[in-house]
PDB file of all heavy atoms in Angstrom:
ATOM      1  N   TRP A   1     -11.744  -7.819  -4.354  1.00  0.00           N
ATOM      2  CA  TRP A   1     -10.890  -6.761  -3.807  1.00  0.00           C
ATOM      3  C   TRP A   1     -10.368  -7.185  -2.446  1.00  0.00           C
ATOM      4  O   TRP A   1     -11.121  -7.697  -1.617  1.00  0.00           O
ATOM      5  CB  TRP A   1     -11.659  -5.447  -3.694  1.00  0.00           C
ATOM      6  CG  TRP A   1     -11.859  -4.781  -5.021  1.00  0.00           C
ATOM      7  CD1 TRP A   1     -12.982  -4.851  -5.811  1.00  0.00           C
ATOM      8  CD2 TRP A   1     -10.913  -3.970  -5.733  1.00  0.00           C
ATOM      9  NE1 TRP A   1     -12.776  -4.138  -6.972  1.00  0.00           N
ATOM     10  CE2 TRP A   1     -11.522  -3.576  -6.952  1.00  0.00           C
ATOM     11  CE3 TRP A   1      -9.608  -3.539  -5.445  1.00  0.00           C
ATOM     12  CZ2 TRP A   1     -10.875  -2.770  -7.883  1.00  0.00           C
ATOM     13  CZ3 TRP A   1      -8.964  -2.729  -6.381  1.00  0.00           C
ATOM     14  CH2 TRP A   1      -9.590  -2.356  -7.580  1.00  0.00           C
ATOM     15  N   SER A   2      -9.080  -6.971  -2.210  1.00  0.00           N
ATOM     16  CA  SER A   2      -8.426  -7.352  -0.954  1.00  0.00           C
ATOM     17  C   SER A   2      -7.606  -6.181  -0.423  1.00  0.00           C
ATOM     18  O   SER A   2      -7.278  -5.257  -1.167  1.00  0.00           O
ATOM     19  CB  SER A   2      -7.475  -8.536  -1.174  1.00  0.00           C
ATOM     20  OG  SER A   2      -8.158  -9.647  -1.703  1.00  0.00           O
ATOM     21  N   THR A   3      -7.268  -6.264   0.861  1.00  0.00           N
ATOM     22  CA  THR A   3      -6.345  -5.281   1.440  1.00  0.00           C
ATOM     23  C   THR A   3      -4.931  -5.861   1.443  1.00  0.00           C
ATOM     24  O   THR A   3      -4.724  -7.045   1.179  1.00  0.00           O
ATOM     25  CB  THR A   3      -6.770  -4.917   2.879  1.00  0.00           C
ATOM     26  OG1 THR A   3      -7.152  -6.107   3.566  1.00  0.00           O
ATOM     27  CG2 THR A   3      -7.932  -3.944   2.865  1.00  0.00           C
ATOM     28  N   VAL A   4      -3.956  -5.003   1.757  1.00  0.00           N
ATOM     29  CA  VAL A   4      -2.544  -5.387   1.748  1.00  0.00           C
ATOM     30  C   VAL A   4      -2.004  -5.273   3.172  1.00  0.00           C
ATOM     31  O   VAL A   4      -2.271  -4.295   3.871  1.00  0.00           O
ATOM     32  CB  VAL A   4      -1.747  -4.476   0.787  1.00  0.00           C
ATOM     33  CG1 VAL A   4      -0.250  -4.750   0.884  1.00  0.00           C
ATOM     34  CG2 VAL A   4      -2.233  -4.681  -0.649  1.00  0.00           C
ATOM     35  N   CYS A   5      -1.244  -6.283   3.613  1.00  0.00           N
ATOM     36  CA  CYS A   5      -0.709  -6.287   4.980  1.00  0.00           C
ATOM     37  C   CYS A   5       0.439  -5.286   5.103  1.00  0.00           C
ATOM     38  O   CYS A   5       1.326  -5.260   4.251  1.00  0.00           O
ATOM     39  CB  CYS A   5      -0.198  -7.676   5.329  1.00  0.00           C
ATOM     40  SG  CYS A   5      -1.403  -8.953   4.964  1.00  0.00           S
ATOM     41  N   ASN A   6       0.443  -4.498   6.164  1.00  0.00           N
ATOM     42  CA  ASN A   6       1.495  -3.479   6.304  1.00  0.00           C
ATOM     43  C   ASN A   6       2.720  -3.985   7.061  1.00  0.00           C
ATOM     44  O   ASN A   6       3.657  -3.232   7.291  1.00  0.00           O
ATOM     45  CB  ASN A   6       0.950  -2.206   6.956  1.00  0.00           C
ATOM     46  CG  ASN A   6       0.742  -2.338   8.461  1.00  0.00           C
ATOM     47  OD1 ASN A   6       0.749  -3.442   9.010  1.00  0.00           O
ATOM     48  ND2 ASN A   6       0.534  -1.211   9.123  1.00  0.00           N
ATOM     49  N   SER A   7       2.715  -5.296   7.421  1.00  0.00           N
ATOM     50  CA  SER A   7       3.846  -5.830   8.196  1.00  0.00           C
ATOM     51  C   SER A   7       5.165  -5.727   7.428  1.00  0.00           C
ATOM     52  O   SER A   7       6.222  -5.568   8.040  1.00  0.00           O
ATOM     53  CB  SER A   7       3.580  -7.289   8.586  1.00  0.00           C
ATOM     54  OG  SER A   7       3.162  -8.032   7.459  1.00  0.00           O
ATOM     55  N   ILE A   8       5.102  -5.798   6.094  1.00  0.00           N
ATOM     56  CA  ILE A   8       6.318  -5.634   5.285  1.00  0.00           C
ATOM     57  C   ILE A   8       6.058  -4.636   4.161  1.00  0.00           C
ATOM     58  O   ILE A   8       6.569  -4.775   3.048  1.00  0.00           O
ATOM     59  CB  ILE A   8       6.820  -6.990   4.720  1.00  0.00           C
ATOM     60  CG1 ILE A   8       5.658  -7.825   4.207  1.00  0.00           C
ATOM     61  CG2 ILE A   8       7.611  -7.769   5.758  1.00  0.00           C
ATOM     62  CD1 ILE A   8       6.065  -9.127   3.587  1.00  0.00           C
ATOM     63  N   TRP A   9       5.269  -3.618   4.440  1.00  0.00           N
ATOM     64  CA  TRP A   9       4.949  -2.571   3.453  1.00  0.00           C
ATOM     65  C   TRP A   9       5.854  -1.377   3.718  1.00  0.00           C
ATOM     66  O   TRP A   9       5.635  -0.597   4.633  1.00  0.00           O
ATOM     67  CB  TRP A   9       3.482  -2.185   3.593  1.00  0.00           C
ATOM     68  CG  TRP A   9       3.008  -1.093   2.667  1.00  0.00           C
ATOM     69  CD1 TRP A   9       2.743   0.202   2.991  1.00  0.00           C
ATOM     70  CD2 TRP A   9       2.702  -1.221   1.273  1.00  0.00           C
ATOM     71  NE1 TRP A   9       2.303   0.889   1.890  1.00  0.00           N
ATOM     72  CE2 TRP A   9       2.269   0.038   0.815  1.00  0.00           C
ATOM     73  CE3 TRP A   9       2.765  -2.291   0.357  1.00  0.00           C
ATOM     74  CZ2 TRP A   9       1.893   0.282  -0.503  1.00  0.00           C
ATOM     75  CZ3 TRP A   9       2.387  -2.056  -0.955  1.00  0.00           C
ATOM     76  CH2 TRP A   9       1.960  -0.785  -1.378  1.00  0.00           C
ATOM     77  N   TYR A  10       6.928  -1.254   2.918  1.00  0.00           N
ATOM     78  CA  TYR A  10       7.928  -0.210   3.149  1.00  0.00           C
ATOM     79  C   TYR A  10       7.932   0.794   1.996  1.00  0.00           C
ATOM     80  O   TYR A  10       7.103   0.733   1.098  1.00  0.00           O
ATOM     81  CB  TYR A  10       9.313  -0.848   3.317  1.00  0.00           C
ATOM     82  CG  TYR A  10       9.387  -1.792   4.494  1.00  0.00           C
ATOM     83  CD1 TYR A  10       9.666  -3.149   4.316  1.00  0.00           C
ATOM     84  CD2 TYR A  10       9.169  -1.331   5.798  1.00  0.00           C
ATOM     85  CE1 TYR A  10       9.731  -4.017   5.396  1.00  0.00           C
ATOM     86  CE2 TYR A  10       9.228  -2.197   6.887  1.00  0.00           C
ATOM     87  CZ  TYR A  10       9.513  -3.535   6.671  1.00  0.00           C
ATOM     88  OH  TYR A  10       9.568  -4.393   7.751  1.00  0.00           O
ATOM     89  N   ASP A  11       8.896   1.707   2.008  1.00  0.00           N
ATOM     90  CA  ASP A  11       8.935   2.762   0.997  1.00  0.00           C
ATOM     91  C   ASP A  11       9.069   2.211  -0.424  1.00  0.00           C
ATOM     92  O   ASP A  11       8.505   2.778  -1.361  1.00  0.00           O
ATOM     93  CB  ASP A  11      10.085   3.744   1.281  1.00  0.00           C
ATOM     94  CG  ASP A  11       9.680   4.838   2.270  1.00  0.00           C
ATOM     95  OD1 ASP A  11       8.506   4.834   2.699  1.00  0.00           O
ATOM     96  OD2 ASP A  11      10.527   5.673   2.612  1.00  0.00           O
ATOM     97  N   THR A  12       9.808   1.104  -0.600  1.00  0.00           N
ATOM     98  CA  THR A  12       9.981   0.554  -1.950  1.00  0.00           C
ATOM     99  C   THR A  12       8.633   0.123  -2.524  1.00  0.00           C
ATOM    100  O   THR A  12       8.271   0.487  -3.651  1.00  0.00           O
ATOM    101  CB  THR A  12      10.952  -0.646  -1.944  1.00  0.00           C
ATOM    102  OG1 THR A  12      12.177  -0.231  -1.350  1.00  0.00           O
ATOM    103  CG2 THR A  12      11.241  -1.130  -3.354  1.00  0.00           C
ATOM    104  N   GLU A  13       7.882  -0.644  -1.749  1.00  0.00           N
ATOM    105  CA  GLU A  13       6.577  -1.119  -2.213  1.00  0.00           C
ATOM    106  C   GLU A  13       5.631   0.056  -2.470  1.00  0.00           C
ATOM    107  O   GLU A  13       4.922   0.104  -3.487  1.00  0.00           O
ATOM    108  CB  GLU A  13       5.955  -2.064  -1.173  1.00  0.00           C
ATOM    109  CG  GLU A  13       6.644  -3.403  -1.032  1.00  0.00           C
ATOM    110  CD  GLU A  13       7.940  -3.363  -0.209  1.00  0.00           C
ATOM    111  OE1 GLU A  13       8.162  -2.382   0.542  1.00  0.00           O
ATOM    112  OE2 GLU A  13       8.720  -4.318  -0.309  1.00  0.00           O
ATOM    113  N   ALA A  14       5.639   1.022  -1.540  1.00  0.00           N
ATOM    114  CA  ALA A  14       4.748   2.179  -1.668  1.00  0.00           C
ATOM    115  C   ALA A  14       5.114   3.020  -2.896  1.00  0.00           C
ATOM    116  O   ALA A  14       4.240   3.526  -3.607  1.00  0.00           O
ATOM    117  CB  ALA A  14       4.802   3.026  -0.401  1.00  0.00           C
ATOM    118  N   THR A  15       6.417   3.155  -3.160  1.00  0.00           N
ATOM    119  CA  THR A  15       6.875   3.926  -4.326  1.00  0.00           C
ATOM    120  C   THR A  15       6.435   3.256  -5.621  1.00  0.00           C
ATOM    121  O   THR A  15       5.968   3.921  -6.556  1.00  0.00           O
ATOM    122  CB  THR A  15       8.411   4.079  -4.310  1.00  0.00           C
ATOM    123  OG1 THR A  15       8.789   4.766  -3.117  1.00  0.00           O
ATOM    124  CG2 THR A  15       8.905   4.862  -5.511  1.00  0.00           C
ATOM    125  N   VAL A  16       6.582   1.930  -5.696  1.00  0.00           N
ATOM    126  CA  VAL A  16       6.135   1.190  -6.884  1.00  0.00           C
ATOM    127  C   VAL A  16       4.660   1.476  -7.151  1.00  0.00           C
ATOM    128  O   VAL A  16       4.260   1.773  -8.290  1.00  0.00           O
ATOM    129  CB  VAL A  16       6.373  -0.332  -6.716  1.00  0.00           C
ATOM    130  CG1 VAL A  16       5.682  -1.122  -7.833  1.00  0.00           C
ATOM    131  CG2 VAL A  16       7.871  -0.644  -6.705  1.00  0.00           C
ATOM    132  N   LEU A  17       3.847   1.434  -6.101  1.00  0.00           N
ATOM    133  CA  LEU A  17       2.412   1.654  -6.286  1.00  0.00           C
ATOM    134  C   LEU A  17       2.116   3.096  -6.699  1.00  0.00           C
ATOM    135  O   LEU A  17       1.327   3.333  -7.621  1.00  0.00           O
ATOM    136  CB  LEU A  17       1.642   1.298  -5.015  1.00  0.00           C
ATOM    137  CG  LEU A  17       0.127   1.460  -5.136  1.00  0.00           C
ATOM    138  CD1 LEU A  17      -0.435   0.598  -6.267  1.00  0.00           C
ATOM    139  CD2 LEU A  17      -0.569   1.132  -3.829  1.00  0.00           C
ATOM    140  N   CYS A  18       2.725   4.075  -6.035  1.00  0.00           N
ATOM    141  CA  CYS A  18       2.499   5.481  -6.401  1.00  0.00           C
ATOM    142  C   CYS A  18       2.802   5.706  -7.876  1.00  0.00           C
ATOM    143  O   CYS A  18       2.030   6.349  -8.603  1.00  0.00           O
ATOM    144  CB  CYS A  18       3.354   6.413  -5.545  1.00  0.00           C
ATOM    145  SG  CYS A  18       2.808   6.603  -3.828  1.00  0.00           S
ATOM    146  N   ARG A  19       3.920   5.150  -8.337  1.00  0.00           N
ATOM    147  CA  ARG A  19       4.312   5.345  -9.739  1.00  0.00           C
ATOM    148  C   ARG A  19       3.381   4.611 -10.694  1.00  0.00           C
ATOM    149  O   ARG A  19       3.043   5.121 -11.762  1.00  0.00           O
ATOM    150  CB  ARG A  19       5.763   4.914  -9.941  1.00  0.00           C
ATOM    151  CG  ARG A  19       6.744   5.842  -9.221  1.00  0.00           C
ATOM    152  CD  ARG A  19       8.198   5.431  -9.428  1.00  0.00           C
ATOM    153  NE  ARG A  19       9.096   6.325  -8.693  1.00  0.00           N
ATOM    154  CZ  ARG A  19      10.412   6.196  -8.677  1.00  0.00           C
ATOM    155  NH1 ARG A  19      10.999   5.199  -9.329  1.00  0.00           N
ATOM    156  NH2 ARG A  19      11.164   7.043  -7.988  1.00  0.00           N
ATOM    157  N   THR A  20       2.963   3.402 -10.319  1.00  0.00           N
ATOM    158  CA  THR A  20       2.016   2.650 -11.143  1.00  0.00           C
ATOM    159  C   THR A  20       0.725   3.435 -11.341  1.00  0.00           C
ATOM    160  O   THR A  20       0.135   3.439 -12.423  1.00  0.00           O
ATOM    161  CB  THR A  20       1.676   1.289 -10.492  1.00  0.00           C
ATOM    162  OG1 THR A  20       2.860   0.510 -10.369  1.00  0.00           O
ATOM    163  CG2 THR A  20       0.675   0.507 -11.319  1.00  0.00           C
ATOM    164  N   LEU A  21       0.278   4.103 -10.304  1.00  0.00           N
ATOM    165  CA  LEU A  21      -0.982   4.854 -10.353  1.00  0.00           C
ATOM    166  C   LEU A  21      -0.811   6.248 -10.957  1.00  0.00           C
ATOM    167  O   LEU A  21      -1.769   7.010 -11.043  1.00  0.00           O
ATOM    168  CB  LEU A  21      -1.573   4.969  -8.937  1.00  0.00           C
ATOM    169  CG  LEU A  21      -1.992   3.660  -8.264  1.00  0.00           C
ATOM    170  CD1 LEU A  21      -2.442   3.911  -6.834  1.00  0.00           C
ATOM    171  CD2 LEU A  21      -3.098   2.960  -9.055  1.00  0.00           C
ATOM    172  N   GLY A  22       0.427   6.591 -11.346  1.00  0.00           N
ATOM    173  CA  GLY A  22       0.687   7.922 -11.901  1.00  0.00           C
ATOM    174  C   GLY A  22       0.607   9.015 -10.855  1.00  0.00           C
ATOM    175  O   GLY A  22       0.236  10.153 -11.145  1.00  0.00           O
ATOM    176  N   CYS A  23       0.973   8.674  -9.626  1.00  0.00           N
ATOM    177  CA  CYS A  23       0.810   9.579  -8.486  1.00  0.00           C
ATOM    178  C   CYS A  23       2.139  10.071  -7.907  1.00  0.00           C
ATOM    179  O   CYS A  23       2.189  10.559  -6.773  1.00  0.00           O
ATOM    180  CB  CYS A  23       0.009   8.888  -7.381  1.00  0.00           C
ATOM    181  SG  CYS A  23      -1.711   8.569  -7.810  1.00  0.00           S
ATOM    182  N   GLY A  24       3.237   9.932  -8.659  1.00  0.00           N
ATOM    183  CA  GLY A  24       4.522  10.439  -8.169  1.00  0.00           C
ATOM    184  C   GLY A  24       5.196   9.481  -7.209  1.00  0.00           C
ATOM    185  O   GLY A  24       5.230   8.269  -7.458  1.00  0.00           O
ATOM    186  N   ASP A  25       5.715  10.011  -6.104  1.00  0.00           N
ATOM    187  CA  ASP A  25       6.427   9.202  -5.112  1.00  0.00           C
ATOM    188  C   ASP A  25       5.714   9.225  -3.763  1.00  0.00           C
ATOM    189  O   ASP A  25       4.770   9.979  -3.560  1.00  0.00           O
ATOM    190  CB  ASP A  25       7.877   9.694  -4.974  1.00  0.00           C
ATOM    191  CG  ASP A  25       8.727   9.256  -6.164  1.00  0.00           C
ATOM    192  OD1 ASP A  25       8.597   8.100  -6.582  1.00  0.00           O
ATOM    193  OD2 ASP A  25       9.502  10.087  -6.674  1.00  0.00           O
ATOM    194  N   VAL A  26       6.209   8.401  -2.839  1.00  0.00           N
ATOM    195  CA  VAL A  26       5.525   8.236  -1.554  1.00  0.00           C
ATOM    196  C   VAL A  26       5.872   9.379  -0.586  1.00  0.00           C
ATOM    197  O   VAL A  26       7.017   9.816  -0.503  1.00  0.00           O
ATOM    198  CB  VAL A  26       5.872   6.853  -0.949  1.00  0.00           C
ATOM    199  CG1 VAL A  26       7.370   6.706  -0.738  1.00  0.00           C
ATOM    200  CG2 VAL A  26       5.133   6.620   0.361  1.00  0.00           C
ATOM    201  N   LEU A  27       4.857   9.851   0.117  1.00  0.00           N
ATOM    202  CA  LEU A  27       5.055  10.827   1.198  1.00  0.00           C
ATOM    203  C   LEU A  27       4.927  10.157   2.561  1.00  0.00           C
ATOM    204  O   LEU A  27       5.761  10.338   3.436  1.00  0.00           O
ATOM    205  CB  LEU A  27       4.000  11.949   1.108  1.00  0.00           C
ATOM    206  CG  LEU A  27       4.229  13.088   0.115  1.00  0.00           C
ATOM    207  CD1 LEU A  27       3.047  14.050   0.177  1.00  0.00           C
ATOM    208  CD2 LEU A  27       5.523  13.831   0.421  1.00  0.00           C
ATOM    209  N   GLN A  28       3.824   9.393   2.749  1.00  0.00           N
ATOM    210  CA  GLN A  28       3.579   8.733   4.037  1.00  0.00           C
ATOM    211  C   GLN A  28       2.982   7.352   3.800  1.00  0.00           C
ATOM    212  O   GLN A  28       2.460   7.066   2.720  1.00  0.00           O
ATOM    213  CB  GLN A  28       2.577   9.548   4.873  1.00  0.00           C
ATOM    214  CG  GLN A  28       3.119  10.843   5.437  1.00  0.00           C
ATOM    215  CD  GLN A  28       1.958  11.618   6.096  1.00  0.00           C
ATOM    216  OE1 GLN A  28       1.341  12.481   5.481  1.00  0.00           O
ATOM    217  NE2 GLN A  28       1.659  11.273   7.325  1.00  0.00           N
ATOM    218  N   ARG A  29       3.053   6.526   4.867  1.00  0.00           N
ATOM    219  CA  ARG A  29       2.471   5.184   4.794  1.00  0.00           C
ATOM    220  C   ARG A  29       1.546   4.976   5.987  1.00  0.00           C
ATOM    221  O   ARG A  29       1.904   4.301   6.956  1.00  0.00           O
ATOM    222  CB  ARG A  29       3.574   4.123   4.775  1.00  0.00           C
ATOM    223  CG  ARG A  29       4.407   4.124   3.498  1.00  0.00           C
ATOM    224  CD  ARG A  29       5.477   3.049   3.457  1.00  0.00           C
ATOM    225  NE  ARG A  29       6.668   3.387   4.218  1.00  0.00           N
ATOM    226  CZ  ARG A  29       7.033   2.799   5.347  1.00  0.00           C
ATOM    227  NH1 ARG A  29       6.313   1.823   5.862  1.00  0.00           N
ATOM    228  NH2 ARG A  29       8.129   3.186   5.969  1.00  0.00           N
ATOM    229  N   PRO A  30       0.347   5.548   5.967  1.00  0.00           N
ATOM    230  CA  PRO A  30      -0.573   5.367   7.096  1.00  0.00           C
ATOM    231  C   PRO A  30      -1.134   3.950   7.152  1.00  0.00           C
ATOM    232  O   PRO A  30      -1.086   3.217   6.156  1.00  0.00           O
ATOM    233  CB  PRO A  30      -1.691   6.375   6.801  1.00  0.00           C
ATOM    234  CG  PRO A  30      -1.672   6.531   5.315  1.00  0.00           C
ATOM    235  CD  PRO A  30      -0.232   6.367   4.897  1.00  0.00           C
ATOM    236  N   ALA A  31      -1.636   3.565   8.299  1.00  0.00           N
ATOM    237  CA  ALA A  31      -2.236   2.236   8.479  1.00  0.00           C
ATOM    238  C   ALA A  31      -3.754   2.362   8.603  1.00  0.00           C
ATOM    239  O   ALA A  31      -4.273   3.371   9.073  1.00  0.00           O
ATOM    240  CB  ALA A  31      -1.664   1.563   9.718  1.00  0.00           C
ATOM    241  N   PHE A  32      -4.443   1.325   8.162  1.00  0.00           N
ATOM    242  CA  PHE A  32      -5.908   1.285   8.187  1.00  0.00           C
ATOM    243  C   PHE A  32      -6.344  -0.072   8.741  1.00  0.00           C
ATOM    244  O   PHE A  32      -5.517  -0.937   9.004  1.00  0.00           O
ATOM    245  CB  PHE A  32      -6.476   1.468   6.772  1.00  0.00           C
ATOM    246  CG  PHE A  32      -6.204   2.814   6.165  1.00  0.00           C
ATOM    247  CD1 PHE A  32      -5.003   3.066   5.502  1.00  0.00           C
ATOM    248  CD2 PHE A  32      -7.136   3.831   6.252  1.00  0.00           C
ATOM    249  CE1 PHE A  32      -4.746   4.308   4.930  1.00  0.00           C
ATOM    250  CE2 PHE A  32      -6.891   5.082   5.686  1.00  0.00           C
ATOM    251  CZ  PHE A  32      -5.692   5.321   5.028  1.00  0.00           C
ATOM    252  N   ALA A  33      -7.649  -0.245   8.880  1.00  0.00           N
ATOM    253  CA  ALA A  33      -8.195  -1.536   9.318  1.00  0.00           C
ATOM    254  C   ALA A  33      -8.409  -2.436   8.099  1.00  0.00           C
ATOM    255  O   ALA A  33      -8.694  -1.957   7.003  1.00  0.00           O
ATOM    256  CB  ALA A  33      -9.512  -1.328  10.046  1.00  0.00           C
ATOM    257  N   HIS A  34      -8.262  -3.763   8.300  1.00  0.00           N
ATOM    258  CA  HIS A  34      -8.620  -4.739   7.262  1.00  0.00           C
ATOM    259  C   HIS A  34     -10.138  -4.952   7.316  1.00  0.00           C
ATOM    260  O   HIS A  34     -10.651  -5.415   8.330  1.00  0.00           O
ATOM    261  CB  HIS A  34      -7.964  -6.104   7.553  1.00  0.00           C
ATOM    262  CG  HIS A  34      -6.483  -6.149   7.331  1.00  0.00           C
ATOM    263  ND1 HIS A  34      -5.902  -6.086   6.088  1.00  0.00           N
ATOM    264  CD2 HIS A  34      -5.464  -6.293   8.215  1.00  0.00           C
ATOM    265  CE1 HIS A  34      -4.580  -6.181   6.206  1.00  0.00           C
ATOM    266  NE2 HIS A  34      -4.293  -6.298   7.483  1.00  0.00           N
ATOM    267  N   THR A  35     -10.845  -4.636   6.233  1.00  0.00           N
ATOM    268  CA  THR A  35     -12.291  -4.915   6.231  1.00  0.00           C
ATOM    269  C   THR A  35     -12.736  -5.659   4.968  1.00  0.00           C
ATOM    270  O   THR A  35     -13.926  -5.873   4.767  1.00  0.00           O
ATOM    271  CB  THR A  35     -13.106  -3.603   6.329  1.00  0.00           C
ATOM    272  OG1 THR A  35     -12.703  -2.741   5.267  1.00  0.00           O
ATOM    273  CG2 THR A  35     -12.887  -2.911   7.667  1.00  0.00           C
ATOM    274  N   LEU A  36     -11.781  -6.062   4.134  1.00  0.00           N
ATOM    275  CA  LEU A  36     -12.125  -6.813   2.922  1.00  0.00           C
ATOM    276  C   LEU A  36     -11.769  -8.286   3.116  1.00  0.00           C
ATOM    277  O   LEU A  36     -10.953  -8.620   3.971  1.00  0.00           O
ATOM    278  CB  LEU A  36     -11.378  -6.227   1.719  1.00  0.00           C
ATOM    279  CG  LEU A  36     -11.783  -4.797   1.335  1.00  0.00           C
ATOM    280  CD1 LEU A  36     -10.883  -4.258   0.229  1.00  0.00           C
ATOM    281  CD2 LEU A  36     -13.233  -4.750   0.894  1.00  0.00           C
ATOM    282  N   PRO A  37     -12.358  -9.178   2.311  1.00  0.00           N
ATOM    283  CA  PRO A  37     -12.182 -10.621   2.564  1.00  0.00           C
ATOM    284  C   PRO A  37     -10.767 -11.147   2.385  1.00  0.00           C
ATOM    285  O   PRO A  37     -10.330 -12.027   3.122  1.00  0.00           O
ATOM    286  CB  PRO A  37     -13.132 -11.281   1.563  1.00  0.00           C
ATOM    287  CG  PRO A  37     -13.422 -10.244   0.534  1.00  0.00           C
ATOM    288  CD  PRO A  37     -13.329  -8.925   1.232  1.00  0.00           C
ATOM    289  N   GLY A  38     -10.030 -10.620   1.399  1.00  0.00           N
ATOM    290  CA  GLY A  38      -8.714 -11.179   1.102  1.00  0.00           C
ATOM    291  C   GLY A  38      -7.586 -10.329   1.649  1.00  0.00           C
ATOM    292  O   GLY A  38      -7.760  -9.161   1.981  1.00  0.00           O
ATOM    293  N   LYS A  39      -6.395 -10.949   1.750  1.00  0.00           N
ATOM    294  CA  LYS A  39      -5.201 -10.222   2.195  1.00  0.00           C
ATOM    295  C   LYS A  39      -4.036 -10.545   1.247  1.00  0.00           C
ATOM    296  O   LYS A  39      -3.847 -11.689   0.857  1.00  0.00           O
ATOM    297  CB  LYS A  39      -4.801 -10.648   3.603  1.00  0.00           C
ATOM    298  CG  LYS A  39      -5.919 -10.553   4.635  1.00  0.00           C
ATOM    299  CD  LYS A  39      -5.591  -9.558   5.710  1.00  0.00           C
ATOM    300  CE  LYS A  39      -6.574  -9.570   6.877  1.00  0.00           C
ATOM    301  NZ  LYS A  39      -7.926 -10.029   6.558  1.00  0.00           N
ATOM    302  N   MET A  40      -3.285  -9.527   0.922  1.00  0.00           N
ATOM    303  CA  MET A  40      -2.160  -9.668   0.008  1.00  0.00           C
ATOM    304  C   MET A  40      -0.905  -9.124   0.676  1.00  0.00           C
ATOM    305  O   MET A  40      -0.972  -8.148   1.425  1.00  0.00           O
ATOM    306  CB  MET A  40      -2.456  -8.857  -1.256  1.00  0.00           C
ATOM    307  CG  MET A  40      -1.525  -9.118  -2.384  1.00  0.00           C
ATOM    308  SD  MET A  40      -1.826 -10.753  -3.100  1.00  0.00           S
ATOM    309  CE  MET A  40      -2.066 -10.368  -4.789  1.00  0.00           C
TER     310      MET A  40
END
């Protein structure tokens, strides 16, 4: 399991993920800390 870098994480990427997970569309894009070994 890895985290995703938010340097280029925009509404398009977030929308793709929301829809993939069956969660509708994006409302917000909060930031978190990286605590997992890999980065994507």
